[in-house]
Amino acid sequence: CRLKCNTCDSDAPTEAEKGEVAVSGKTAL
């Protein structure tokens, strides 16, 4: 959301979240 505003309270992705994104790559056909 920083492309549109400077007031958002968002954190960087956690290691667990990065892991979920990585494992989703296994579904690519």
PDB file of all heavy atoms in Angstrom:
ATOM      1  N   CYS A   1       0.805  -1.215   0.000  1.00  0.00           N
ATOM      2  CA  CYS A   1       0.000   0.000   0.000  1.00  0.00           C
ATOM      3  C   CYS A   1       0.836   1.261   0.000  1.00  0.00           C
ATOM      4  O   CYS A   1       0.282   2.359  -0.114  1.00  0.00           O
ATOM      5  CB  CYS A   1      -0.953   0.002   1.196  1.00  0.00           C
ATOM      6  SG  CYS A   1      -0.188  -0.305   2.771  1.00  0.00           S
ATOM      7  N   ARG A   2       2.135   1.188   0.089  1.00  0.00           N
ATOM      8  CA  ARG A   2       2.942   2.399   0.103  1.00  0.00           C
ATOM      9  C   ARG A   2       2.979   3.093  -1.251  1.00  0.00           C
ATOM     10  O   ARG A   2       3.425   4.227  -1.362  1.00  0.00           O
ATOM     11  CB  ARG A   2       4.365   2.095   0.578  1.00  0.00           C
ATOM     12  CG  ARG A   2       4.427   1.985   2.100  1.00  0.00           C
ATOM     13  CD  ARG A   2       5.834   1.857   2.608  1.00  0.00           C
ATOM     14  NE  ARG A   2       5.837   1.752   4.053  1.00  0.00           N
ATOM     15  CZ  ARG A   2       6.898   1.378   4.770  1.00  0.00           C
ATOM     16  NH1 ARG A   2       8.014   1.066   4.147  1.00  0.00           N
ATOM     17  NH2 ARG A   2       6.838   1.303   6.069  1.00  0.00           N
ATOM     18  N   LEU A   3       2.493   2.407  -2.310  1.00  0.00           N
ATOM     19  CA  LEU A   3       2.387   3.080  -3.594  1.00  0.00           C
ATOM     20  C   LEU A   3       1.313   4.154  -3.544  1.00  0.00           C
ATOM     21  O   LEU A   3       1.288   5.058  -4.355  1.00  0.00           O
ATOM     22  CB  LEU A   3       2.041   2.075  -4.701  1.00  0.00           C
ATOM     23  CG  LEU A   3       3.136   1.096  -5.087  1.00  0.00           C
ATOM     24  CD1 LEU A   3       2.628   0.196  -6.197  1.00  0.00           C
ATOM     25  CD2 LEU A   3       4.388   1.824  -5.552  1.00  0.00           C
ATOM     26  N   LYS A   4       0.403   4.051  -2.569  1.00  0.00           N
ATOM     27  CA  LYS A   4      -0.721   4.968  -2.523  1.00  0.00           C
ATOM     28  C   LYS A   4      -0.768   5.822  -1.259  1.00  0.00           C
ATOM     29  O   LYS A   4      -1.427   6.841  -1.229  1.00  0.00           O
ATOM     30  CB  LYS A   4      -2.037   4.169  -2.636  1.00  0.00           C
ATOM     31  CG  LYS A   4      -2.344   3.775  -4.069  1.00  0.00           C
ATOM     32  CD  LYS A   4      -2.721   5.005  -4.874  1.00  0.00           C
ATOM     33  CE  LYS A   4      -2.879   4.678  -6.333  1.00  0.00           C
ATOM     34  NZ  LYS A   4      -3.248   5.836  -7.144  1.00  0.00           N
ATOM     35  N   CYS A   5      -0.119   5.428  -0.193  1.00  0.00           N
ATOM     36  CA  CYS A   5      -0.153   6.241   1.017  1.00  0.00           C
ATOM     37  C   CYS A   5       1.053   5.952   1.890  1.00  0.00           C
ATOM     38  O   CYS A   5       1.771   4.991   1.684  1.00  0.00           O
ATOM     39  CB  CYS A   5      -1.443   5.988   1.816  1.00  0.00           C
ATOM     40  SG  CYS A   5      -1.517   4.390   2.632  1.00  0.00           S
ATOM     41  N   ASN A   6       1.271   6.796   2.872  1.00  0.00           N
ATOM     42  CA  ASN A   6       2.432   6.656   3.748  1.00  0.00           C
ATOM     43  C   ASN A   6       2.031   6.367   5.190  1.00  0.00           C
ATOM     44  O   ASN A   6       2.834   6.496   6.107  1.00  0.00           O
ATOM     45  CB  ASN A   6       3.261   7.949   3.722  1.00  0.00           C
ATOM     46  CG  ASN A   6       3.822   8.219   2.343  1.00  0.00           C
ATOM     47  OD1 ASN A   6       4.329   7.315   1.701  1.00  0.00           O
ATOM     48  ND2 ASN A   6       3.724   9.460   1.888  1.00  0.00           N
ATOM     49  N   THR A   7       0.773   5.974   5.394  1.00  0.00           N
ATOM     50  CA  THR A   7       0.283   5.813   6.755  1.00  0.00           C
ATOM     51  C   THR A   7      -0.054   4.386   7.115  1.00  0.00           C
ATOM     52  O   THR A   7      -0.671   4.126   8.130  1.00  0.00           O
ATOM     53  CB  THR A   7      -0.972   6.673   6.961  1.00  0.00           C
ATOM     54  OG1 THR A   7      -1.974   6.256   6.026  1.00  0.00           O
ATOM     55  CG2 THR A   7      -0.659   8.143   6.781  1.00  0.00           C
ATOM     56  N   CYS A   8       0.309   3.431   6.256  1.00  0.00           N
ATOM     57  CA  CYS A   8      -0.070   2.049   6.505  1.00  0.00           C
ATOM     58  C   CYS A   8       0.897   1.385   7.479  1.00  0.00           C
ATOM     59  O   CYS A   8       2.102   1.541   7.374  1.00  0.00           O
ATOM     60  CB  CYS A   8      -0.082   1.255   5.202  1.00  0.00           C
ATOM     61  SG  CYS A   8      -1.153   1.993   3.977  1.00  0.00           S
ATOM     62  N   ASP A   9       0.354   0.613   8.403  1.00  0.00           N
ATOM     63  CA  ASP A   9       1.174  -0.089   9.388  1.00  0.00           C
ATOM     64  C   ASP A   9       1.302  -1.547   8.980  1.00  0.00           C
ATOM     65  O   ASP A   9       0.594  -2.415   9.471  1.00  0.00           O
ATOM     66  CB  ASP A   9       0.534   0.013  10.782  1.00  0.00           C
ATOM     67  CG  ASP A   9       0.473   1.446  11.281  1.00  0.00           C
ATOM     68  OD1 ASP A   9       1.439   2.177  11.021  1.00  0.00           O
ATOM     69  OD2 ASP A   9      -0.531   1.809  11.903  1.00  0.00           O
ATOM     70  N   SER A  10       2.210  -1.829   8.042  1.00  0.00           N
ATOM     71  CA  SER A  10       2.424  -3.190   7.572  1.00  0.00           C
ATOM     72  C   SER A  10       3.823  -3.641   7.933  1.00  0.00           C
ATOM     73  O   SER A  10       4.762  -2.857   7.955  1.00  0.00           O
ATOM     74  CB  SER A  10       2.244  -3.262   6.052  1.00  0.00           C
ATOM     75  OG  SER A  10       0.956  -2.874   5.685  1.00  0.00           O
ATOM     76  N   ASP A  11       3.961  -4.928   8.225  1.00  0.00           N
ATOM     77  CA  ASP A  11       5.254  -5.501   8.575  1.00  0.00           C
ATOM     78  C   ASP A  11       5.814  -6.264   7.395  1.00  0.00           C
ATOM     79  O   ASP A  11       5.109  -6.607   6.461  1.00  0.00           O
ATOM     80  CB  ASP A  11       5.098  -6.458   9.768  1.00  0.00           C
ATOM     81  CG  ASP A  11       4.546  -5.749  10.990  1.00  0.00           C
ATOM     82  OD1 ASP A  11       4.952  -4.603  11.242  1.00  0.00           O
ATOM     83  OD2 ASP A  11       3.710  -6.362  11.664  1.00  0.00           O
ATOM     84  N   ALA A  12       7.116  -6.522   7.448  1.00  0.00           N
ATOM     85  CA  ALA A  12       7.741  -7.352   6.426  1.00  0.00           C
ATOM     86  C   ALA A  12       7.229  -8.785   6.578  1.00  0.00           C
ATOM     87  O   ALA A  12       6.847  -9.207   7.661  1.00  0.00           O
ATOM     88  CB  ALA A  12       9.256  -7.308   6.588  1.00  0.00           C
ATOM     89  N   PRO A  13       7.198  -9.560   5.481  1.00  0.00           N
ATOM     90  CA  PRO A  13       6.749 -10.951   5.567  1.00  0.00           C
ATOM     91  C   PRO A  13       7.596 -11.750   6.550  1.00  0.00           C
ATOM     92  O   PRO A  13       8.806 -11.577   6.622  1.00  0.00           O
ATOM     93  CB  PRO A  13       6.942 -11.463   4.138  1.00  0.00           C
ATOM     94  CG  PRO A  13       6.919 -10.244   3.284  1.00  0.00           C
ATOM     95  CD  PRO A  13       7.534  -9.162   4.106  1.00  0.00           C
ATOM     96  N   THR A  14       6.953 -12.631   7.312  1.00  0.00           N
ATOM     97  CA  THR A  14       7.666 -13.484   8.249  1.00  0.00           C
ATOM     98  C   THR A  14       8.325 -14.629   7.489  1.00  0.00           C
ATOM     99  O   THR A  14       8.020 -14.883   6.325  1.00  0.00           O
ATOM    100  CB  THR A  14       6.699 -14.061   9.291  1.00  0.00           C
ATOM    101  OG1 THR A  14       5.768 -14.935   8.619  1.00  0.00           O
ATOM    102  CG2 THR A  14       5.935 -12.949  10.011  1.00  0.00           C
ATOM    103  N   GLU A  15       9.213 -15.355   8.165  1.00  0.00           N
ATOM    104  CA  GLU A  15       9.860 -16.501   7.530  1.00  0.00           C
ATOM    105  C   GLU A  15       8.834 -17.566   7.167  1.00  0.00           C
ATOM    106  O   GLU A  15       8.946 -18.221   6.122  1.00  0.00           O
ATOM    107  CB  GLU A  15      10.936 -17.082   8.458  1.00  0.00           C
ATOM    108  CG  GLU A  15      12.149 -16.189   8.627  1.00  0.00           C
ATOM    109  CD  GLU A  15      12.800 -15.834   7.290  1.00  0.00           C
ATOM    110  OE1 GLU A  15      12.994 -16.753   6.464  1.00  0.00           O
ATOM    111  OE2 GLU A  15      13.097 -14.640   7.064  1.00  0.00           O
ATOM    112  N   ALA A  16       7.818 -17.736   8.026  1.00  0.00           N
ATOM    113  CA  ALA A  16       6.775 -18.719   7.745  1.00  0.00           C
ATOM    114  C   ALA A  16       6.006 -18.339   6.488  1.00  0.00           C
ATOM    115  O   ALA A  16       5.684 -19.191   5.649  1.00  0.00           O
ATOM    116  CB  ALA A  16       5.814 -18.828   8.927  1.00  0.00           C
ATOM    117  N   GLU A  17       5.728 -17.052   6.325  1.00  0.00           N
ATOM    118  CA  GLU A  17       5.012 -16.590   5.143  1.00  0.00           C
ATOM    119  C   GLU A  17       5.851 -16.751   3.891  1.00  0.00           C
ATOM    120  O   GLU A  17       5.354 -17.148   2.829  1.00  0.00           O
ATOM    121  CB  GLU A  17       4.583 -15.139   5.339  1.00  0.00           C
ATOM    122  CG  GLU A  17       3.463 -14.988   6.364  1.00  0.00           C
ATOM    123  CD  GLU A  17       3.211 -13.559   6.767  1.00  0.00           C
ATOM    124  OE1 GLU A  17       4.088 -12.702   6.545  1.00  0.00           O
ATOM    125  OE2 GLU A  17       2.133 -13.290   7.337  1.00  0.00           O
ATOM    126  N   LYS A  18       7.144 -16.447   3.997  1.00  0.00           N
ATOM    127  CA  LYS A  18       8.039 -16.666   2.859  1.00  0.00           C
ATOM    128  C   LYS A  18       8.060 -18.143   2.471  1.00  0.00           C
ATOM    129  O   LYS A  18       8.127 -18.487   1.293  1.00  0.00           O
ATOM    130  CB  LYS A  18       9.444 -16.182   3.201  1.00  0.00           C
ATOM    131  CG  LYS A  18       9.582 -14.666   3.339  1.00  0.00           C
ATOM    132  CD  LYS A  18      11.009 -14.289   3.695  1.00  0.00           C
ATOM    133  CE  LYS A  18      11.169 -12.785   3.872  1.00  0.00           C
ATOM    134  NZ  LYS A  18      12.550 -12.422   4.244  1.00  0.00           N
ATOM    135  N   GLY A  19       8.002 -19.006   3.470  1.00  0.00           N
ATOM    136  CA  GLY A  19       7.995 -20.441   3.206  1.00  0.00           C
ATOM    137  C   GLY A  19       6.746 -20.882   2.470  1.00  0.00           C
ATOM    138  O   GLY A  19       6.805 -21.733   1.577  1.00  0.00           O
ATOM    139  N   GLU A  20       5.606 -20.300   2.837  1.00  0.00           N
ATOM    140  CA  GLU A  20       4.350 -20.633   2.155  1.00  0.00           C
ATOM    141  C   GLU A  20       4.386 -20.194   0.697  1.00  0.00           C
ATOM    142  O   GLU A  20       3.891 -20.894  -0.183  1.00  0.00           O
ATOM    143  CB  GLU A  20       3.162 -19.979   2.873  1.00  0.00           C
ATOM    144  CG  GLU A  20       2.825 -20.588   4.219  1.00  0.00           C
ATOM    145  CD  GLU A  20       2.284 -22.006   4.107  1.00  0.00           C
ATOM    146  OE1 GLU A  20       1.971 -22.459   2.984  1.00  0.00           O
ATOM    147  OE2 GLU A  20       2.173 -22.666   5.147  1.00  0.00           O
ATOM    148  N   VAL A  21       4.966 -19.034   0.433  1.00  0.00           N
ATOM    149  CA  VAL A  21       5.083 -18.566  -0.951  1.00  0.00           C
ATOM    150  C   VAL A  21       6.000 -19.499  -1.738  1.00  0.00           C
ATOM    151  O   VAL A  21       5.712 -19.858  -2.883  1.00  0.00           O
ATOM    152  CB  VAL A  21       5.619 -17.123  -0.993  1.00  0.00           C
ATOM    153  CG1 VAL A  21       5.903 -16.706  -2.434  1.00  0.00           C
ATOM    154  CG2 VAL A  21       4.623 -16.163  -0.363  1.00  0.00           C
ATOM    155  N   ALA A  22       7.102 -19.900  -1.120  1.00  0.00           N
ATOM    156  CA  ALA A  22       8.059 -20.774  -1.796  1.00  0.00           C
ATOM    157  C   ALA A  22       7.438 -22.126  -2.137  1.00  0.00           C
ATOM    158  O   ALA A  22       7.620 -22.645  -3.241  1.00  0.00           O
ATOM    159  CB  ALA A  22       9.299 -20.962  -0.929  1.00  0.00           C
ATOM    160  N   VAL A  23       6.689 -22.700  -1.187  1.00  0.00           N
ATOM    161  CA  VAL A  23       6.115 -24.025  -1.424  1.00  0.00           C
ATOM    162  C   VAL A  23       5.029 -23.963  -2.487  1.00  0.00           C
ATOM    163  O   VAL A  23       4.776 -24.955  -3.182  1.00  0.00           O
ATOM    164  CB  VAL A  23       5.572 -24.641  -0.107  1.00  0.00           C
ATOM    165  CG1 VAL A  23       4.231 -24.023   0.292  1.00  0.00           C
ATOM    166  CG2 VAL A  23       5.437 -26.153  -0.230  1.00  0.00           C
ATOM    167  N   SER A  24       4.407 -22.802  -2.656  1.00  0.00           N
ATOM    168  CA  SER A  24       3.376 -22.683  -3.690  1.00  0.00           C
ATOM    169  C   SER A  24       3.980 -22.857  -5.083  1.00  0.00           C
ATOM    170  O   SER A  24       3.279 -23.232  -6.030  1.00  0.00           O
ATOM    171  CB  SER A  24       2.666 -21.324  -3.601  1.00  0.00           C
ATOM    172  OG  SER A  24       3.492 -20.275  -4.044  1.00  0.00           O
ATOM    173  N   GLY A  25       5.285 -22.591  -5.214  1.00  0.00           N
ATOM    174  CA  GLY A  25       5.958 -22.768  -6.498  1.00  0.00           C
ATOM    175  C   GLY A  25       5.940 -24.202  -6.985  1.00  0.00           C
ATOM    176  O   GLY A  25       6.059 -24.459  -8.190  1.00  0.00           O
ATOM    177  N   LYS A  26       5.767 -25.151  -6.061  1.00  0.00           N
ATOM    178  CA  LYS A  26       5.729 -26.563  -6.443  1.00  0.00           C
ATOM    179  C   LYS A  26       4.471 -26.915  -7.234  1.00  0.00           C
ATOM    180  O   LYS A  26       4.398 -27.971  -7.856  1.00  0.00           O
ATOM    181  CB  LYS A  26       5.798 -27.450  -5.194  1.00  0.00           C
ATOM    182  CG  LYS A  26       7.101 -27.353  -4.424  1.00  0.00           C
ATOM    183  CD  LYS A  26       7.067 -28.279  -3.212  1.00  0.00           C
ATOM    184  CE  LYS A  26       8.353 -28.222  -2.417  1.00  0.00           C
ATOM    185  NZ  LYS A  26       8.324 -29.130  -1.238  1.00  0.00           N
ATOM    186  N   THR A  27       3.466 -26.026  -7.179  1.00  0.00           N
ATOM    187  CA  THR A  27       2.215 -26.317  -7.876  1.00  0.00           C
ATOM    188  C   THR A  27       2.259 -25.911  -9.348  1.00  0.00           C
ATOM    189  O   THR A  27       1.340 -26.220 -10.105  1.00  0.00           O
ATOM    190  CB  THR A  27       1.036 -25.576  -7.216  1.00  0.00           C
ATOM    191  OG1 THR A  27       1.220 -24.158  -7.370  1.00  0.00           O
ATOM    192  CG2 THR A  27       0.953 -25.916  -5.730  1.00  0.00           C
ATOM    193  N   ALA A  28       3.311 -25.207  -9.765  1.00  0.00           N
ATOM    194  CA  ALA A  28       3.398 -24.730 -11.149  1.00  0.00           C
ATOM    195  C   ALA A  28       3.469 -25.898 -12.121  1.00  0.00           C
ATOM    196  O   ALA A  28       4.242 -26.844 -11.927  1.00  0.00           O
ATOM    197  CB  ALA A  28       4.617 -23.830 -11.323  1.00  0.00           C
ATOM    198  N   LEU A  29       2.653 -25.835 -13.159  1.00  0.00           N
ATOM    199  CA  LEU A  29       2.619 -26.892 -14.168  1.00  0.00           C
ATOM    200  C   LEU A  29       3.341 -26.452 -15.439  1.00  0.00           C
ATOM    201  O   LEU A  29       3.197 -25.322 -15.886  1.00  0.00           O
ATOM    202  CB  LEU A  29       1.167 -27.236 -14.523  1.00  0.00           C
ATOM    203  CG  LEU A  29       0.284 -27.770 -13.400  1.00  0.00           C
ATOM    204  CD1 LEU A  29      -1.131 -27.999 -13.924  1.00  0.00           C
ATOM    205  CD2 LEU A  29       0.850 -29.061 -12.826  1.00  0.00           C
TER     206      LEU A  29
END
